[in-house]
Amino acid sequence: MNNLQRLQLEIQGIELSHEEIQVYLAENGLKHYDEYNPESNKSKRSIYQTALSILESVANNPTLMKDYKQDDMSIAAFHENLQARIEQLERKVRQMPSNDDKTESNYFMLFQ
């Protein structure tokens, strides 16, 4: 699986052109054709950051913020659900280690 395929798993249902997805991946230091390494914290974090960038772009589209009603179905609170997903991804990215070191500690020495 390459980075593009992994990102598409994360953003299912969001329609973007291939070029747009490549730009988002490049902004987060990824190439779409490179092999995705699920054991790499750096790779996972970059995929999540890319998905977060895409969701934030979708959230900036004002035409998507209204409620829709079609036949007997209504699609309400799209924006609230989108913001909840953005906050969830932000939390996940913050808690994820930023490098692939195998150290178990998340602490650093402030004073020496």
PDB file of N, CA and C in Angstrom:
ATOM      1  N   MET A   1       0.850  -1.168   0.000  1.00  0.00           N
ATOM      2  CA  MET A   1       0.000   0.000   0.000  1.00  0.00           C
ATOM      3  C   MET A   1       0.899   1.236   0.000  1.00  0.00           C
ATOM      4  N   ASN A   2       0.574   2.195  -0.853  1.00  0.00           N
ATOM      5  CA  ASN A   2       1.364   3.424  -0.871  1.00  0.00           C
ATOM      6  C   ASN A   2       0.657   4.523  -0.063  1.00  0.00           C
ATOM      7  N   ASN A   3       1.323   5.668   0.078  1.00  0.00           N
ATOM      8  CA  ASN A   3       0.788   6.761   0.883  1.00  0.00           C
ATOM      9  C   ASN A   3      -0.557   7.265   0.375  1.00  0.00           C
ATOM     10  N   LEU A   4      -0.716   7.316  -0.930  1.00  0.00           N
ATOM     11  CA  LEU A   4      -1.977   7.773  -1.513  1.00  0.00           C
ATOM     12  C   LEU A   4      -3.130   6.852  -1.121  1.00  0.00           C
ATOM     13  N   GLN A   5      -2.915   5.555  -1.211  1.00  0.00           N
ATOM     14  CA  GLN A   5      -3.961   4.590  -0.851  1.00  0.00           C
ATOM     15  C   GLN A   5      -4.298   4.679   0.633  1.00  0.00           C
ATOM     16  N   ARG A   6      -3.288   4.859   1.480  1.00  0.00           N
ATOM     17  CA  ARG A   6      -3.533   4.962   2.928  1.00  0.00           C
ATOM     18  C   ARG A   6      -4.305   6.230   3.253  1.00  0.00           C
ATOM     19  N   LEU A   7      -3.964   7.325   2.592  1.00  0.00           N
ATOM     20  CA  LEU A   7      -4.688   8.571   2.823  1.00  0.00           C
ATOM     21  C   LEU A   7      -6.141   8.442   2.377  1.00  0.00           C
ATOM     22  N   GLN A   8      -6.386   7.771   1.266  1.00  0.00           N
ATOM     23  CA  GLN A   8      -7.749   7.590   0.789  1.00  0.00           C
ATOM     24  C   GLN A   8      -8.577   6.764   1.770  1.00  0.00           C
ATOM     25  N   LEU A   9      -7.947   5.854   2.496  1.00  0.00           N
ATOM     26  CA  LEU A   9      -8.654   5.129   3.548  1.00  0.00           C
ATOM     27  C   LEU A   9      -9.099   6.077   4.658  1.00  0.00           C
ATOM     28  N   GLU A  10      -8.273   7.057   4.943  1.00  0.00           N
ATOM     29  CA  GLU A  10      -8.551   7.987   6.036  1.00  0.00           C
ATOM     30  C   GLU A  10      -9.604   9.025   5.661  1.00  0.00           C
ATOM     31  N   ILE A  11      -9.708   9.374   4.386  1.00  0.00           N
ATOM     32  CA  ILE A  11     -10.637  10.446   3.966  1.00  0.00           C
ATOM     33  C   ILE A  11     -11.753   9.907   3.073  1.00  0.00           C
ATOM     34  N   GLN A  12     -12.216   8.731   3.334  1.00  0.00           N
ATOM     35  CA  GLN A  12     -13.270   8.139   2.506  1.00  0.00           C
ATOM     36  C   GLN A  12     -14.468   9.070   2.416  1.00  0.00           C
ATOM     37  N   GLY A  13     -15.001   9.206   1.223  1.00  0.00           N
ATOM     38  CA  GLY A  13     -16.181  10.033   1.004  1.00  0.00           C
ATOM     39  C   GLY A  13     -15.869  11.468   0.611  1.00  0.00           C
ATOM     40  N   ILE A  14     -14.621  11.873   0.691  1.00  0.00           N
ATOM     41  CA  ILE A  14     -14.231  13.222   0.294  1.00  0.00           C
ATOM     42  C   ILE A  14     -13.650  13.138  -1.111  1.00  0.00           C
ATOM     43  N   GLU A  15     -14.272  13.838  -2.031  1.00  0.00           N
ATOM     44  CA  GLU A  15     -13.856  13.791  -3.434  1.00  0.00           C
ATOM     45  C   GLU A  15     -12.861  14.910  -3.724  1.00  0.00           C
ATOM     46  N   LEU A  16     -11.636  14.533  -4.037  1.00  0.00           N
ATOM     47  CA  LEU A  16     -10.601  15.478  -4.435  1.00  0.00           C
ATOM     48  C   LEU A  16      -9.924  14.956  -5.687  1.00  0.00           C
ATOM     49  N   SER A  17      -9.380  15.870  -6.465  1.00  0.00           N
ATOM     50  CA  SER A  17      -8.642  15.430  -7.656  1.00  0.00           C
ATOM     51  C   SER A  17      -7.298  14.836  -7.223  1.00  0.00           C
ATOM     52  N   HIS A  18      -6.711  14.060  -8.113  1.00  0.00           N
ATOM     53  CA  HIS A  18      -5.425  13.426  -7.831  1.00  0.00           C
ATOM     54  C   HIS A  18      -4.352  14.484  -7.558  1.00  0.00           C
ATOM     55  N   GLU A  19      -4.390  15.580  -8.290  1.00  0.00           N
ATOM     56  CA  GLU A  19      -3.413  16.649  -8.119  1.00  0.00           C
ATOM     57  C   GLU A  19      -3.568  17.317  -6.750  1.00  0.00           C
ATOM     58  N   GLU A  20      -4.805  17.531  -6.320  1.00  0.00           N
ATOM     59  CA  GLU A  20      -5.029  18.145  -5.015  1.00  0.00           C
ATOM     60  C   GLU A  20      -4.493  17.255  -3.896  1.00  0.00           C
ATOM     61  N   ILE A  21      -4.735  15.966  -3.990  1.00  0.00           N
ATOM     62  CA  ILE A  21      -4.238  15.035  -2.974  1.00  0.00           C
ATOM     63  C   ILE A  21      -2.711  15.037  -2.956  1.00  0.00           C
ATOM     64  N   GLN A  22      -2.090  15.103  -4.133  1.00  0.00           N
ATOM     65  CA  GLN A  22      -0.629  15.148  -4.198  1.00  0.00           C
ATOM     66  C   GLN A  22      -0.082  16.395  -3.505  1.00  0.00           C
ATOM     67  N   VAL A  23      -0.769  17.518  -3.646  1.00  0.00           N
ATOM     68  CA  VAL A  23      -0.332  18.753  -2.997  1.00  0.00           C
ATOM     69  C   VAL A  23      -0.414  18.594  -1.477  1.00  0.00           C
ATOM     70  N   TYR A  24      -1.526  18.069  -0.978  1.00  0.00           N
ATOM     71  CA  TYR A  24      -1.669  17.862   0.465  1.00  0.00           C
ATOM     72  C   TYR A  24      -0.586  16.923   0.995  1.00  0.00           C
ATOM     73  N   LEU A  25      -0.312  15.845   0.285  1.00  0.00           N
ATOM     74  CA  LEU A  25       0.737  14.913   0.710  1.00  0.00           C
ATOM     75  C   LEU A  25       2.104  15.589   0.709  1.00  0.00           C
ATOM     76  N   ALA A  26       2.404  16.345  -0.341  1.00  0.00           N
ATOM     77  CA  ALA A  26       3.695  17.020  -0.434  1.00  0.00           C
ATOM     78  C   ALA A  26       3.872  18.051   0.683  1.00  0.00           C
ATOM     79  N   GLU A  27       2.805  18.734   1.053  1.00  0.00           N
ATOM     80  CA  GLU A  27       2.876  19.718   2.133  1.00  0.00           C
ATOM     81  C   GLU A  27       3.232  19.070   3.463  1.00  0.00           C
ATOM     82  N   ASN A  28       2.959  17.794   3.604  1.00  0.00           N
ATOM     83  CA  ASN A  28       3.266  17.072   4.835  1.00  0.00           C
ATOM     84  C   ASN A  28       4.450  16.129   4.688  1.00  0.00           C
ATOM     85  N   GLY A  29       5.257  16.361   3.652  1.00  0.00           N
ATOM     86  CA  GLY A  29       6.500  15.625   3.486  1.00  0.00           C
ATOM     87  C   GLY A  29       6.357  14.210   2.961  1.00  0.00           C
ATOM     88  N   LEU A  30       5.265  13.919   2.272  1.00  0.00           N
ATOM     89  CA  LEU A  30       5.042  12.572   1.738  1.00  0.00           C
ATOM     90  C   LEU A  30       4.976  12.596   0.221  1.00  0.00           C
ATOM     91  N   LYS A  31       5.378  11.511  -0.390  1.00  0.00           N
ATOM     92  CA  LYS A  31       5.200  11.316  -1.829  1.00  0.00           C
ATOM     93  C   LYS A  31       4.124  10.259  -2.011  1.00  0.00           C
ATOM     94  N   HIS A  32       3.215  10.491  -2.942  1.00  0.00           N
ATOM     95  CA  HIS A  32       2.046   9.620  -3.059  1.00  0.00           C
ATOM     96  C   HIS A  32       2.407   8.197  -3.446  1.00  0.00           C
ATOM     97  N   TYR A  33       3.487   7.980  -4.171  1.00  0.00           N
ATOM     98  CA  TYR A  33       3.835   6.651  -4.651  1.00  0.00           C
ATOM     99  C   TYR A  33       4.751   5.887  -3.690  1.00  0.00           C
ATOM    100  N   ASP A  34       5.287   6.552  -2.658  1.00  0.00           N
ATOM    101  CA  ASP A  34       6.150   5.859  -1.697  1.00  0.00           C
ATOM    102  C   ASP A  34       5.343   4.837  -0.903  1.00  0.00           C
ATOM    103  N   GLU A  35       6.013   3.783  -0.518  1.00  0.00           N
ATOM    104  CA  GLU A  35       5.377   2.718   0.258  1.00  0.00           C
ATOM    105  C   GLU A  35       5.039   3.228   1.657  1.00  0.00           C
ATOM    106  N   TYR A  36       3.823   2.968   2.109  1.00  0.00           N
ATOM    107  CA  TYR A  36       3.397   3.356   3.454  1.00  0.00           C
ATOM    108  C   TYR A  36       3.938   2.343   4.454  1.00  0.00           C
ATOM    109  N   ASN A  37       4.589   2.833   5.495  1.00  0.00           N
ATOM    110  CA  ASN A  37       5.142   1.975   6.529  1.00  0.00           C
ATOM    111  C   ASN A  37       4.291   2.111   7.792  1.00  0.00           C
ATOM    112  N   PRO A  38       3.419   1.128   8.095  1.00  0.00           N
ATOM    113  CA  PRO A  38       2.540   1.248   9.250  1.00  0.00           C
ATOM    114  C   PRO A  38       3.260   1.187  10.591  1.00  0.00           C
ATOM    115  N   GLU A  39       4.508   0.762  10.597  1.00  0.00           N
ATOM    116  CA  GLU A  39       5.264   0.687  11.848  1.00  0.00           C
ATOM    117  C   GLU A  39       6.008   1.981  12.151  1.00  0.00           C
ATOM    118  N   SER A  40       6.005   2.901  11.227  1.00  0.00           N
ATOM    119  CA  SER A  40       6.717   4.166  11.400  1.00  0.00           C
ATOM    120  C   SER A  40       5.776   5.217  11.991  1.00  0.00           C
ATOM    121  N   ASN A  41       6.133   5.726  13.166  1.00  0.00           N
ATOM    122  CA  ASN A  41       5.334   6.788  13.784  1.00  0.00           C
ATOM    123  C   ASN A  41       5.331   8.041  12.924  1.00  0.00           C
ATOM    124  N   LYS A  42       6.455   8.325  12.306  1.00  0.00           N
ATOM    125  CA  LYS A  42       6.558   9.514  11.453  1.00  0.00           C
ATOM    126  C   LYS A  42       5.608   9.406  10.267  1.00  0.00           C
ATOM    127  N   SER A  43       5.531   8.234   9.660  1.00  0.00           N
ATOM    128  CA  SER A  43       4.657   8.014   8.512  1.00  0.00           C
ATOM    129  C   SER A  43       3.183   8.123   8.910  1.00  0.00           C
ATOM    130  N   LYS A  44       2.826   7.494  10.021  1.00  0.00           N
ATOM    131  CA  LYS A  44       1.435   7.561  10.506  1.00  0.00           C
ATOM    132  C   LYS A  44       1.049   9.000  10.828  1.00  0.00           C
ATOM    133  N   ARG A  45       1.940   9.683  11.515  1.00  0.00           N
ATOM    134  CA  ARG A  45       1.659  11.065  11.899  1.00  0.00           C
ATOM    135  C   ARG A  45       1.472  11.948  10.667  1.00  0.00           C
ATOM    136  N   SER A  46       2.296  11.748   9.649  1.00  0.00           N
ATOM    137  CA  SER A  46       2.174  12.546   8.421  1.00  0.00           C
ATOM    138  C   SER A  46       0.865  12.271   7.695  1.00  0.00           C
ATOM    139  N   ILE A  47       0.428  11.014   7.672  1.00  0.00           N
ATOM    140  CA  ILE A  47      -0.858  10.680   7.050  1.00  0.00           C
ATOM    141  C   ILE A  47      -1.995  11.358   7.805  1.00  0.00           C
ATOM    142  N   TYR A  48      -1.969  11.280   9.137  1.00  0.00           N
ATOM    143  CA  TYR A  48      -3.020  11.924   9.939  1.00  0.00           C
ATOM    144  C   TYR A  48      -2.996  13.438   9.773  1.00  0.00           C
ATOM    145  N   GLN A  49      -1.807  14.043   9.693  1.00  0.00           N
ATOM    146  CA  GLN A  49      -1.725  15.484   9.484  1.00  0.00           C
ATOM    147  C   GLN A  49      -2.270  15.872   8.113  1.00  0.00           C
ATOM    148  N   THR A  50      -2.027  15.033   7.106  1.00  0.00           N
ATOM    149  CA  THR A  50      -2.554  15.292   5.769  1.00  0.00           C
ATOM    150  C   THR A  50      -4.079  15.212   5.777  1.00  0.00           C
ATOM    151  N   ALA A  51      -4.619  14.184   6.427  1.00  0.00           N
ATOM    152  CA  ALA A  51      -6.080  14.053   6.540  1.00  0.00           C
ATOM    153  C   ALA A  51      -6.665  15.241   7.282  1.00  0.00           C
ATOM    154  N   LEU A  52      -5.982  15.691   8.313  1.00  0.00           N
ATOM    155  CA  LEU A  52      -6.429  16.850   9.067  1.00  0.00           C
ATOM    156  C   LEU A  52      -6.452  18.101   8.192  1.00  0.00           C
ATOM    157  N   SER A  53      -5.440  18.285   7.367  1.00  0.00           N
ATOM    158  CA  SER A  53      -5.408  19.430   6.447  1.00  0.00           C
ATOM    159  C   SER A  53      -6.576  19.390   5.474  1.00  0.00           C
ATOM    160  N   ILE A  54      -6.874  18.215   4.980  1.00  0.00           N
ATOM    161  CA  ILE A  54      -7.985  18.064   4.039  1.00  0.00           C
ATOM    162  C   ILE A  54      -9.309  18.375   4.723  1.00  0.00           C
ATOM    163  N   LEU A  55      -9.508  17.851   5.940  1.00  0.00           N
ATOM    164  CA  LEU A  55     -10.753  18.119   6.671  1.00  0.00           C
ATOM    165  C   LEU A  55     -10.895  19.595   7.000  1.00  0.00           C
ATOM    166  N   GLU A  56      -9.798  20.254   7.329  1.00  0.00           N
ATOM    167  CA  GLU A  56      -9.865  21.693   7.598  1.00  0.00           C
ATOM    168  C   GLU A  56     -10.233  22.472   6.339  1.00  0.00           C
ATOM    169  N   SER A  57      -9.758  22.023   5.192  1.00  0.00           N
ATOM    170  CA  SER A  57     -10.137  22.667   3.928  1.00  0.00           C
ATOM    171  C   SER A  57     -11.617  22.480   3.635  1.00  0.00           C
ATOM    172  N   VAL A  58     -12.123  21.285   3.906  1.00  0.00           N
ATOM    173  CA  VAL A  58     -13.557  21.027   3.720  1.00  0.00           C
ATOM    174  C   VAL A  58     -14.364  21.908   4.672  1.00  0.00           C
ATOM    175  N   ALA A  59     -13.880  22.085   5.892  1.00  0.00           N
ATOM    176  CA  ALA A  59     -14.583  22.911   6.877  1.00  0.00           C
ATOM    177  C   ALA A  59     -14.615  24.379   6.479  1.00  0.00           C
ATOM    178  N   ASN A  60     -13.699  24.802   5.615  1.00  0.00           N
ATOM    179  CA  ASN A  60     -13.673  26.190   5.163  1.00  0.00           C
ATOM    180  C   ASN A  60     -14.626  26.453   4.003  1.00  0.00           C
ATOM    181  N   ASN A  61     -15.345  25.436   3.547  1.00  0.00           N
ATOM    182  CA  ASN A  61     -16.276  25.591   2.435  1.00  0.00           C
ATOM    183  C   ASN A  61     -17.664  25.945   2.980  1.00  0.00           C
ATOM    184  N   PRO A  62     -18.100  27.183   2.853  1.00  0.00           N
ATOM    185  CA  PRO A  62     -19.364  27.609   3.465  1.00  0.00           C
ATOM    186  C   PRO A  62     -20.604  26.945   2.859  1.00  0.00           C
ATOM    187  N   THR A  63     -20.528  26.451   1.635  1.00  0.00           N
ATOM    188  CA  THR A  63     -21.704  25.820   1.046  1.00  0.00           C
ATOM    189  C   THR A  63     -22.024  24.482   1.700  1.00  0.00           C
ATOM    190  N   LEU A  64     -21.070  23.900   2.412  1.00  0.00           N
ATOM    191  CA  LEU A  64     -21.310  22.620   3.082  1.00  0.00           C
ATOM    192  C   LEU A  64     -21.871  22.782   4.495  1.00  0.00           C
ATOM    193  N   MET A  65     -22.004  23.998   4.976  1.00  0.00           N
ATOM    194  CA  MET A  65     -22.390  24.222   6.360  1.00  0.00           C
ATOM    195  C   MET A  65     -23.899  24.295   6.585  1.00  0.00           C
ATOM    196  N   LYS A  66     -24.690  24.161   5.545  1.00  0.00           N
ATOM    197  CA  LYS A  66     -26.141  24.228   5.726  1.00  0.00           C
ATOM    198  C   LYS A  66     -26.723  22.829   5.889  1.00  0.00           C
ATOM    199  N   ASP A  67     -27.930  22.778   6.425  1.00  0.00           N
ATOM    200  CA  ASP A  67     -28.625  21.502   6.608  1.00  0.00           C
ATOM    201  C   ASP A  67     -29.362  21.145   5.324  1.00  0.00           C
ATOM    202  N   TYR A  68     -29.405  19.883   5.002  1.00  0.00           N
ATOM    203  CA  TYR A  68     -30.062  19.400   3.793  1.00  0.00           C
ATOM    204  C   TYR A  68     -31.224  18.494   4.156  1.00  0.00           C
ATOM    205  N   LYS A  69     -32.273  18.552   3.372  1.00  0.00           N
ATOM    206  CA  LYS A  69     -33.402  17.651   3.549  1.00  0.00           C
ATOM    207  C   LYS A  69     -33.785  17.121   2.185  1.00  0.00           C
ATOM    208  N   GLN A  70     -33.793  15.807   2.075  1.00  0.00           N
ATOM    209  CA  GLN A  70     -34.132  15.176   0.814  1.00  0.00           C
ATOM    210  C   GLN A  70     -35.112  14.055   1.114  1.00  0.00           C
ATOM    211  N   ASP A  71     -36.298  14.147   0.520  1.00  0.00           N
ATOM    212  CA  ASP A  71     -37.384  13.199   0.778  1.00  0.00           C
ATOM    213  C   ASP A  71     -37.639  13.135   2.284  1.00  0.00           C
ATOM    214  N   ASP A  72     -37.429  11.999   2.895  1.00  0.00           N
ATOM    215  CA  ASP A  72     -37.669  11.885   4.333  1.00  0.00           C
ATOM    216  C   ASP A  72     -36.369  11.846   5.142  1.00  0.00           C
ATOM    217  N   MET A  73     -35.242  12.093   4.497  1.00  0.00           N
ATOM    218  CA  MET A  73     -33.948  12.111   5.183  1.00  0.00           C
ATOM    219  C   MET A  73     -33.480  13.546   5.358  1.00  0.00           C
ATOM    220  N   SER A  74     -32.832  13.805   6.480  1.00  0.00           N
ATOM    221  CA  SER A  74     -32.220  15.117   6.661  1.00  0.00           C
ATOM    222  C   SER A  74     -30.770  14.923   7.077  1.00  0.00           C
ATOM    223  N   ILE A  75     -29.938  15.782   6.541  1.00  0.00           N
ATOM    224  CA  ILE A  75     -28.522  15.774   6.893  1.00  0.00           C
ATOM    225  C   ILE A  75     -28.291  17.063   7.651  1.00  0.00           C
ATOM    226  N   ALA A  76     -28.248  16.949   8.966  1.00  0.00           N
ATOM    227  CA  ALA A  76     -28.115  18.120   9.813  1.00  0.00           C
ATOM    228  C   ALA A  76     -26.808  18.040  10.595  1.00  0.00           C
ATOM    229  N   ALA A  77     -26.362  19.176  11.013  1.00  0.00           N
ATOM    230  CA  ALA A  77     -25.191  19.293  11.874  1.00  0.00           C
ATOM    231  C   ALA A  77     -23.926  18.741  11.218  1.00  0.00           C
ATOM    232  N   PHE A  78     -23.803  18.907   9.925  1.00  0.00           N
ATOM    233  CA  PHE A  78     -22.605  18.442   9.233  1.00  0.00           C
ATOM    234  C   PHE A  78     -21.369  19.131   9.799  1.00  0.00           C
ATOM    235  N   HIS A  79     -21.484  20.419   9.995  1.00  0.00           N
ATOM    236  CA  HIS A  79     -20.336  21.182  10.473  1.00  0.00           C
ATOM    237  C   HIS A  79     -19.902  20.735  11.866  1.00  0.00           C
ATOM    238  N   GLU A  80     -20.849  20.491  12.761  1.00  0.00           N
ATOM    239  CA  GLU A  80     -20.506  20.048  14.113  1.00  0.00           C
ATOM    240  C   GLU A  80     -19.809  18.693  14.090  1.00  0.00           C
ATOM    241  N   ASN A  81     -20.293  17.792  13.258  1.00  0.00           N
ATOM    242  CA  ASN A  81     -19.662  16.480  13.151  1.00  0.00           C
ATOM    243  C   ASN A  81     -18.272  16.569  12.539  1.00  0.00           C
ATOM    244  N   LEU A  82     -18.125  17.450  11.560  1.00  0.00           N
ATOM    245  CA  LEU A  82     -16.825  17.649  10.933  1.00  0.00           C
ATOM    246  C   LEU A  82     -15.835  18.236  11.933  1.00  0.00           C
ATOM    247  N   GLN A  83     -16.271  19.223  12.715  1.00  0.00           N
ATOM    248  CA  GLN A  83     -15.398  19.813  13.723  1.00  0.00           C
ATOM    249  C   GLN A  83     -15.013  18.784  14.791  1.00  0.00           C
ATOM    250  N   ALA A  84     -15.928  17.912  15.155  1.00  0.00           N
ATOM    251  CA  ALA A  84     -15.609  16.862  16.129  1.00  0.00           C
ATOM    252  C   ALA A  84     -14.540  15.931  15.585  1.00  0.00           C
ATOM    253  N   ARG A  85     -14.623  15.577  14.309  1.00  0.00           N
ATOM    254  CA  ARG A  85     -13.612  14.713  13.691  1.00  0.00           C
ATOM    255  C   ARG A  85     -12.261  15.425  13.598  1.00  0.00           C
ATOM    256  N   ILE A  86     -12.283  16.715  13.291  1.00  0.00           N
ATOM    257  CA  ILE A  86     -11.042  17.491  13.239  1.00  0.00           C
ATOM    258  C   ILE A  86     -10.384  17.508  14.622  1.00  0.00           C
ATOM    259  N   GLU A  87     -11.159  17.761  15.665  1.00  0.00           N
ATOM    260  CA  GLU A  87     -10.615  17.774  17.022  1.00  0.00           C
ATOM    261  C   GLU A  87     -10.072  16.405  17.421  1.00  0.00           C
ATOM    262  N   GLN A  88     -10.762  15.340  17.019  1.00  0.00           N
ATOM    263  CA  GLN A  88     -10.291  13.986  17.305  1.00  0.00           C
ATOM    264  C   GLN A  88      -8.943  13.723  16.641  1.00  0.00           C
ATOM    265  N   LEU A  89      -8.805  14.114  15.366  1.00  0.00           N
ATOM    266  CA  LEU A  89      -7.540  13.924  14.661  1.00  0.00           C
ATOM    267  C   LEU A  89      -6.425  14.783  15.258  1.00  0.00           C
ATOM    268  N   GLU A  90      -6.741  16.017  15.643  1.00  0.00           N
ATOM    269  CA  GLU A  90      -5.736  16.874  16.266  1.00  0.00           C
ATOM    270  C   GLU A  90      -5.217  16.253  17.554  1.00  0.00           C
ATOM    271  N   ARG A  91      -6.109  15.720  18.354  1.00  0.00           N
ATOM    272  CA  ARG A  91      -5.724  15.067  19.605  1.00  0.00           C
ATOM    273  C   ARG A  91      -4.839  13.849  19.333  1.00  0.00           C
ATOM    274  N   LYS A  92      -5.213  13.063  18.334  1.00  0.00           N
ATOM    275  CA  LYS A  92      -4.443  11.874  17.978  1.00  0.00           C
ATOM    276  C   LYS A  92      -3.041  12.250  17.511  1.00  0.00           C
ATOM    277  N   VAL A  93      -2.928  13.300  16.694  1.00  0.00           N
ATOM    278  CA  VAL A  93      -1.625  13.741  16.193  1.00  0.00           C
ATOM    279  C   VAL A  93      -0.764  14.275  17.338  1.00  0.00           C
ATOM    280  N   ARG A  94      -1.367  15.034  18.263  1.00  0.00           N
ATOM    281  CA  ARG A  94      -0.607  15.574  19.399  1.00  0.00           C
ATOM    282  C   ARG A  94      -0.059  14.468  20.292  1.00  0.00           C
ATOM    283  N   GLN A  95      -0.820  13.397  20.475  1.00  0.00           N
ATOM    284  CA  GLN A  95      -0.409  12.329  21.384  1.00  0.00           C
ATOM    285  C   GLN A  95       0.532  11.324  20.737  1.00  0.00           C
ATOM    286  N   MET A  96       0.659  11.359  19.427  1.00  0.00           N
ATOM    287  CA  MET A  96       1.496  10.403  18.707  1.00  0.00           C
ATOM    288  C   MET A  96       2.956  10.860  18.737  1.00  0.00           C
ATOM    289  N   PRO A  97       3.893   9.935  18.969  1.00  0.00           N
ATOM    290  CA  PRO A  97       5.314  10.308  18.927  1.00  0.00           C
ATOM    291  C   PRO A  97       5.687  10.840  17.547  1.00  0.00           C
ATOM    292  N   SER A  98       6.577  11.827  17.525  1.00  0.00           N
ATOM    293  CA  SER A  98       6.926  12.454  16.251  1.00  0.00           C
ATOM    294  C   SER A  98       8.101  11.795  15.543  1.00  0.00           C
ATOM    295  N   ASN A  99       8.738  10.838  16.202  1.00  0.00           N
ATOM    296  CA  ASN A  99       9.858  10.155  15.560  1.00  0.00           C
ATOM    297  C   ASN A  99       9.733   8.647  15.772  1.00  0.00           C
ATOM    298  N   ASP A 100      10.651   7.912  15.211  1.00  0.00           N
ATOM    299  CA  ASP A 100      10.583   6.453  15.267  1.00  0.00           C
ATOM    300  C   ASP A 100      11.503   5.856  16.316  1.00  0.00           C
ATOM    301  N   ASP A 101      11.952   6.659  17.281  1.00  0.00           N
ATOM    302  CA  ASP A 101      12.776   6.113  18.353  1.00  0.00           C
ATOM    303  C   ASP A 101      11.972   5.114  19.162  1.00  0.00           C
ATOM    304  N   LYS A 102      12.623   4.119  19.655  1.00  0.00           N
ATOM    305  CA  LYS A 102      11.951   3.065  20.414  1.00  0.00           C
ATOM    306  C   LYS A 102      11.923   3.344  21.906  1.00  0.00           C
ATOM    307  N   THR A 103      12.237   4.571  22.305  1.00  0.00           N
ATOM    308  CA  THR A 103      12.193   4.894  23.726  1.00  0.00           C
ATOM    309  C   THR A 103      10.751   4.939  24.181  1.00  0.00           C
ATOM    310  N   GLU A 104      10.512   4.466  25.365  1.00  0.00           N
ATOM    311  CA  GLU A 104       9.149   4.388  25.891  1.00  0.00           C
ATOM    312  C   GLU A 104       8.715   5.681  26.576  1.00  0.00           C
ATOM    313  N   SER A 105       9.644   6.543  26.909  1.00  0.00           N
ATOM    314  CA  SER A 105       9.340   7.734  27.672  1.00  0.00           C
ATOM    315  C   SER A 105       8.895   8.874  26.764  1.00  0.00           C
ATOM    316  N   ASN A 106       7.900   9.611  27.216  1.00  0.00           N
ATOM    317  CA  ASN A 106       7.444  10.796  26.513  1.00  0.00           C
ATOM    318  C   ASN A 106       7.893  12.063  27.231  1.00  0.00           C
ATOM    319  N   TYR A 107       8.824  11.938  28.182  1.00  0.00           N
ATOM    320  CA  TYR A 107       9.288  13.055  28.976  1.00  0.00           C
ATOM    321  C   TYR A 107      10.622  13.562  28.448  1.00  0.00           C
ATOM    322  N   PHE A 108      10.888  14.807  28.694  1.00  0.00           N
ATOM    323  CA  PHE A 108      12.176  15.367  28.350  1.00  0.00           C
ATOM    324  C   PHE A 108      12.685  16.151  29.544  1.00  0.00           C
ATOM    325  N   MET A 109      13.969  16.350  29.578  1.00  0.00           N
ATOM    326  CA  MET A 109      14.572  17.079  30.708  1.00  0.00           C
ATOM    327  C   MET A 109      14.551  18.566  30.392  1.00  0.00           C
ATOM    328  N   LEU A 110      13.860  19.306  31.228  1.00  0.00           N
ATOM    329  CA  LEU A 110      13.762  20.748  31.044  1.00  0.00           C
ATOM    330  C   LEU A 110      14.998  21.436  31.598  1.00  0.00           C
ATOM    331  N   PHE A 111      15.456  20.975  32.758  1.00  0.00           N
ATOM    332  CA  PHE A 111      16.642  21.556  33.396  1.00  0.00           C
ATOM    333  C   PHE A 111      17.701  20.488  33.542  1.00  0.00           C
ATOM    334  N   GLN A 112      18.926  20.875  33.379  1.00  0.00           N
ATOM    335  CA  GLN A 112      20.017  19.914  33.573  1.00  0.00           C
ATOM    336  C   GLN A 112      20.910  20.344  34.697  1.00  0.00           C
TER     337      GLN A 112
END
